Amino acid sequence: MEEFEIMNYVYVLKSEKDGRFYVGMTQDLANRLKEHNSGRTRSTKGYQPWVIIHEEIYPDRKAARKREKYLKSGYGKQWLKSKYNSVP
């Protein structure tokens, strides 16, 4: 049996409706984007459609979670806004 690594993605979505960001983490980025755009995620439902503007790949969940938490922090939000020129 072959071993394979499950990749963990940290992603940033931007709402095409109002320009807000959403930061999340998943192992299946394409499926997760579909969930956000189908209204299956309560926190993003009212701001569809969403587009992926940033993604990072990590080999383990712990590292991905640490980065996700950073991007959700004040400094992380500031970095995102400076990089992607977001509306608050």
N, C-alpha and C. Protein backbone atom coordinates (compact mmCIF):
# COMPACT_ATOMS: atom_id res chain seq x y z
N MET A 1 0.84 -1.19 0.00
CA MET A 1 0.00 0.00 0.00
C MET A 1 0.89 1.25 0.00
N GLU A 2 0.60 2.16 -0.90
CA GLU A 2 1.38 3.38 -1.01
C GLU A 2 0.96 4.37 0.06
N GLU A 3 1.97 5.09 0.56
CA GLU A 3 1.67 6.17 1.49
C GLU A 3 1.51 7.45 0.70
N PHE A 4 0.59 8.27 1.11
CA PHE A 4 0.46 9.58 0.47
C PHE A 4 0.17 10.60 1.55
N GLU A 5 0.58 11.81 1.27
CA GLU A 5 0.36 12.88 2.22
C GLU A 5 -0.92 13.61 1.88
N ILE A 6 -1.67 13.90 2.89
CA ILE A 6 -2.87 14.70 2.71
C ILE A 6 -2.44 16.15 2.88
N MET A 7 -2.66 16.94 1.86
CA MET A 7 -2.28 18.35 1.92
C MET A 7 -3.36 19.14 2.65
N ASN A 8 -2.92 20.09 3.40
CA ASN A 8 -3.81 20.96 4.14
C ASN A 8 -3.68 22.36 3.55
N TYR A 9 -4.78 22.90 3.11
CA TYR A 9 -4.78 24.22 2.48
C TYR A 9 -5.29 25.27 3.45
N VAL A 10 -4.61 26.40 3.48
CA VAL A 10 -5.12 27.59 4.12
C VAL A 10 -5.48 28.50 2.96
N TYR A 11 -6.68 29.03 2.98
CA TYR A 11 -7.14 29.80 1.83
C TYR A 11 -7.80 31.10 2.27
N VAL A 12 -7.80 32.04 1.34
CA VAL A 12 -8.48 33.30 1.56
C VAL A 12 -9.44 33.50 0.40
N LEU A 13 -10.69 33.72 0.73
CA LEU A 13 -11.71 34.01 -0.26
C LEU A 13 -12.04 35.49 -0.20
N LYS A 14 -12.47 36.01 -1.32
CA LYS A 14 -12.95 37.39 -1.37
C LYS A 14 -14.35 37.38 -1.95
N SER A 15 -15.24 38.08 -1.29
CA SER A 15 -16.61 38.18 -1.75
C SER A 15 -16.68 39.14 -2.93
N GLU A 16 -17.27 38.67 -4.02
CA GLU A 16 -17.47 39.55 -5.16
C GLU A 16 -18.65 40.49 -4.91
N LYS A 17 -19.41 40.22 -3.87
CA LYS A 17 -20.57 41.05 -3.52
C LYS A 17 -20.12 42.34 -2.82
N ASP A 18 -19.24 42.20 -1.81
CA ASP A 18 -18.86 43.40 -1.06
C ASP A 18 -17.36 43.51 -0.75
N GLY A 19 -16.56 42.58 -1.25
CA GLY A 19 -15.11 42.69 -1.09
C GLY A 19 -14.55 42.17 0.22
N ARG A 20 -15.38 41.60 1.07
CA ARG A 20 -14.86 41.10 2.35
C ARG A 20 -14.06 39.82 2.15
N PHE A 21 -13.23 39.51 3.13
CA PHE A 21 -12.40 38.31 3.10
C PHE A 21 -12.98 37.24 4.00
N TYR A 22 -12.67 36.00 3.67
CA TYR A 22 -12.94 34.86 4.54
C TYR A 22 -11.69 34.00 4.53
N VAL A 23 -11.19 33.65 5.71
CA VAL A 23 -10.00 32.80 5.84
C VAL A 23 -10.44 31.45 6.38
N GLY A 24 -9.95 30.39 5.75
CA GLY A 24 -10.31 29.05 6.20
C GLY A 24 -9.22 28.04 5.92
N MET A 25 -9.51 26.80 6.27
CA MET A 25 -8.56 25.71 6.12
C MET A 25 -9.33 24.47 5.69
N THR A 26 -8.74 23.69 4.79
CA THR A 26 -9.42 22.48 4.30
C THR A 26 -8.41 21.52 3.69
N GLN A 27 -8.85 20.31 3.43
CA GLN A 27 -8.02 19.34 2.71
C GLN A 27 -8.49 19.18 1.26
N ASP A 28 -9.64 19.78 0.93
CA ASP A 28 -10.18 19.70 -0.43
C ASP A 28 -10.66 21.10 -0.83
N LEU A 29 -9.76 21.85 -1.41
CA LEU A 29 -10.04 23.26 -1.70
C LEU A 29 -11.16 23.45 -2.71
N ALA A 30 -11.17 22.68 -3.77
CA ALA A 30 -12.21 22.83 -4.80
C ALA A 30 -13.60 22.57 -4.22
N ASN A 31 -13.72 21.52 -3.44
CA ASN A 31 -15.01 21.19 -2.83
C ASN A 31 -15.42 22.25 -1.81
N ARG A 32 -14.46 22.74 -1.06
CA ARG A 32 -14.77 23.75 -0.04
C ARG A 32 -15.28 25.04 -0.69
N LEU A 33 -14.68 25.43 -1.81
CA LEU A 33 -15.16 26.62 -2.52
C LEU A 33 -16.60 26.41 -3.00
N LYS A 34 -16.90 25.22 -3.49
CA LYS A 34 -18.27 24.91 -3.92
C LYS A 34 -19.24 25.03 -2.75
N GLU A 35 -18.83 24.57 -1.57
CA GLU A 35 -19.68 24.67 -0.38
C GLU A 35 -19.96 26.13 -0.04
N HIS A 36 -18.92 26.97 -0.09
CA HIS A 36 -19.11 28.39 0.19
C HIS A 36 -20.07 29.03 -0.81
N ASN A 37 -19.90 28.70 -2.08
CA ASN A 37 -20.71 29.33 -3.13
C ASN A 37 -22.11 28.73 -3.29
N SER A 38 -22.36 27.61 -2.65
CA SER A 38 -23.70 27.02 -2.71
C SER A 38 -24.56 27.43 -1.51
N GLY A 39 -23.97 28.17 -0.58
CA GLY A 39 -24.72 28.62 0.58
C GLY A 39 -24.75 27.62 1.72
N ARG A 40 -23.89 26.59 1.65
CA ARG A 40 -23.88 25.56 2.69
C ARG A 40 -23.07 25.97 3.92
N THR A 41 -22.37 27.10 3.84
CA THR A 41 -21.60 27.58 4.98
C THR A 41 -22.29 28.83 5.52
N ARG A 42 -22.78 28.73 6.72
CA ARG A 42 -23.59 29.80 7.32
C ARG A 42 -22.89 31.16 7.32
N SER A 43 -21.60 31.18 7.69
CA SER A 43 -20.90 32.46 7.83
C SER A 43 -20.62 33.16 6.51
N THR A 44 -20.69 32.45 5.39
CA THR A 44 -20.40 33.07 4.10
C THR A 44 -21.62 33.14 3.18
N LYS A 45 -22.71 32.60 3.63
CA LYS A 45 -23.90 32.45 2.80
C LYS A 45 -24.40 33.76 2.18
N GLY A 46 -24.40 34.83 2.94
CA GLY A 46 -24.97 36.08 2.47
C GLY A 46 -24.04 36.92 1.60
N TYR A 47 -22.84 36.44 1.33
CA TYR A 47 -21.86 37.27 0.63
C TYR A 47 -21.35 36.63 -0.66
N GLN A 48 -22.08 35.68 -1.19
CA GLN A 48 -21.71 34.99 -2.42
C GLN A 48 -21.81 35.94 -3.61
N PRO A 49 -21.09 35.69 -4.66
CA PRO A 49 -20.13 34.60 -4.88
C PRO A 49 -18.75 34.93 -4.30
N TRP A 50 -17.99 33.86 -4.05
CA TRP A 50 -16.65 33.96 -3.50
C TRP A 50 -15.63 33.49 -4.53
N VAL A 51 -14.46 34.11 -4.49
CA VAL A 51 -13.34 33.67 -5.34
C VAL A 51 -12.12 33.47 -4.46
N ILE A 52 -11.31 32.50 -4.80
CA ILE A 52 -10.06 32.27 -4.06
C ILE A 52 -9.05 33.30 -4.53
N ILE A 53 -8.50 34.05 -3.58
CA ILE A 53 -7.49 35.04 -3.94
C ILE A 53 -6.11 34.66 -3.40
N HIS A 54 -6.07 33.70 -2.47
CA HIS A 54 -4.79 33.31 -1.87
C HIS A 54 -4.91 31.90 -1.33
N GLU A 55 -3.88 31.09 -1.55
CA GLU A 55 -3.87 29.76 -0.95
C GLU A 55 -2.44 29.37 -0.61
N GLU A 56 -2.31 28.60 0.44
CA GLU A 56 -1.02 28.08 0.90
C GLU A 56 -1.22 26.60 1.23
N ILE A 57 -0.19 25.81 1.00
CA ILE A 57 -0.29 24.37 1.25
C ILE A 57 0.68 23.99 2.37
N TYR A 58 0.18 23.18 3.30
CA TYR A 58 0.98 22.70 4.43
C TYR A 58 0.87 21.19 4.52
N PRO A 59 1.97 20.54 4.91
CA PRO A 59 1.96 19.07 4.98
C PRO A 59 1.23 18.52 6.20
N ASP A 60 1.01 19.37 7.20
CA ASP A 60 0.30 18.87 8.39
C ASP A 60 -0.72 19.89 8.89
N ARG A 61 -1.72 19.37 9.55
CA ARG A 61 -2.84 20.17 10.02
C ARG A 61 -2.41 21.22 11.05
N LYS A 62 -1.47 20.87 11.89
CA LYS A 62 -1.02 21.78 12.94
C LYS A 62 -0.42 23.07 12.35
N ALA A 63 0.43 22.93 11.36
CA ALA A 63 1.05 24.10 10.71
C ALA A 63 -0.01 24.93 9.98
N ALA A 64 -0.93 24.26 9.32
CA ALA A 64 -2.00 24.97 8.60
C ALA A 64 -2.87 25.75 9.58
N ARG A 65 -3.21 25.13 10.69
CA ARG A 65 -4.05 25.80 11.69
C ARG A 65 -3.35 27.02 12.27
N LYS A 66 -2.05 26.92 12.50
CA LYS A 66 -1.28 28.05 13.03
C LYS A 66 -1.32 29.23 12.05
N ARG A 67 -1.16 28.94 10.76
CA ARG A 67 -1.19 30.00 9.74
C ARG A 67 -2.60 30.59 9.61
N GLU A 68 -3.62 29.74 9.66
CA GLU A 68 -4.99 30.22 9.60
C GLU A 68 -5.26 31.19 10.75
N LYS A 69 -4.84 30.82 11.94
CA LYS A 69 -5.05 31.68 13.11
C LYS A 69 -4.33 33.01 12.94
N TYR A 70 -3.13 32.98 12.35
CA TYR A 70 -2.39 34.23 12.11
C TYR A 70 -3.16 35.12 11.14
N LEU A 71 -3.63 34.54 10.04
CA LEU A 71 -4.34 35.34 9.04
C LEU A 71 -5.65 35.91 9.57
N LYS A 72 -6.20 35.29 10.60
CA LYS A 72 -7.42 35.80 11.22
C LYS A 72 -7.13 36.83 12.31
N SER A 73 -5.86 36.97 12.68
CA SER A 73 -5.47 37.93 13.72
C SER A 73 -5.41 39.34 13.13
N GLY A 74 -5.23 40.31 13.99
CA GLY A 74 -5.12 41.70 13.53
C GLY A 74 -3.98 41.90 12.54
N TYR A 75 -2.82 41.32 12.85
CA TYR A 75 -1.68 41.46 11.96
C TYR A 75 -1.92 40.74 10.63
N GLY A 76 -2.55 39.59 10.70
CA GLY A 76 -2.84 38.84 9.48
C GLY A 76 -3.83 39.57 8.59
N LYS A 77 -4.85 40.16 9.20
CA LYS A 77 -5.84 40.93 8.44
C LYS A 77 -5.18 42.14 7.79
N GLN A 78 -4.29 42.77 8.54
CA GLN A 78 -3.56 43.93 8.00
C GLN A 78 -2.71 43.51 6.80
N TRP A 79 -2.04 42.36 6.91
CA TRP A 79 -1.22 41.85 5.81
C TRP A 79 -2.09 41.57 4.58
N LEU A 80 -3.23 40.94 4.79
CA LEU A 80 -4.14 40.65 3.68
C LEU A 80 -4.63 41.91 3.00
N LYS A 81 -5.01 42.90 3.80
CA LYS A 81 -5.52 44.15 3.23
C LYS A 81 -4.43 44.86 2.43
N SER A 82 -3.20 44.85 2.94
CA SER A 82 -2.12 45.52 2.20
C SER A 82 -1.78 44.77 0.92
N LYS A 83 -1.86 43.45 0.95
CA LYS A 83 -1.53 42.64 -0.23
C LYS A 83 -2.65 42.65 -1.26
N TYR A 84 -3.90 42.61 -0.81
CA TYR A 84 -5.03 42.45 -1.72
C TYR A 84 -5.97 43.65 -1.77
N ASN A 85 -5.59 44.74 -1.11
CA ASN A 85 -6.37 45.98 -1.17
C ASN A 85 -7.85 45.77 -0.90
N SER A 86 -8.17 45.24 0.25
CA SER A 86 -9.54 44.87 0.57
C SER A 86 -10.35 46.02 1.15
N VAL A 87 -11.64 45.85 1.04
CA VAL A 87 -12.59 46.71 1.75
C VAL A 87 -12.73 46.13 3.14
N PRO A 88 -12.72 46.94 4.21
CA PRO A 88 -12.80 46.38 5.59
C PRO A 88 -14.02 45.54 5.84
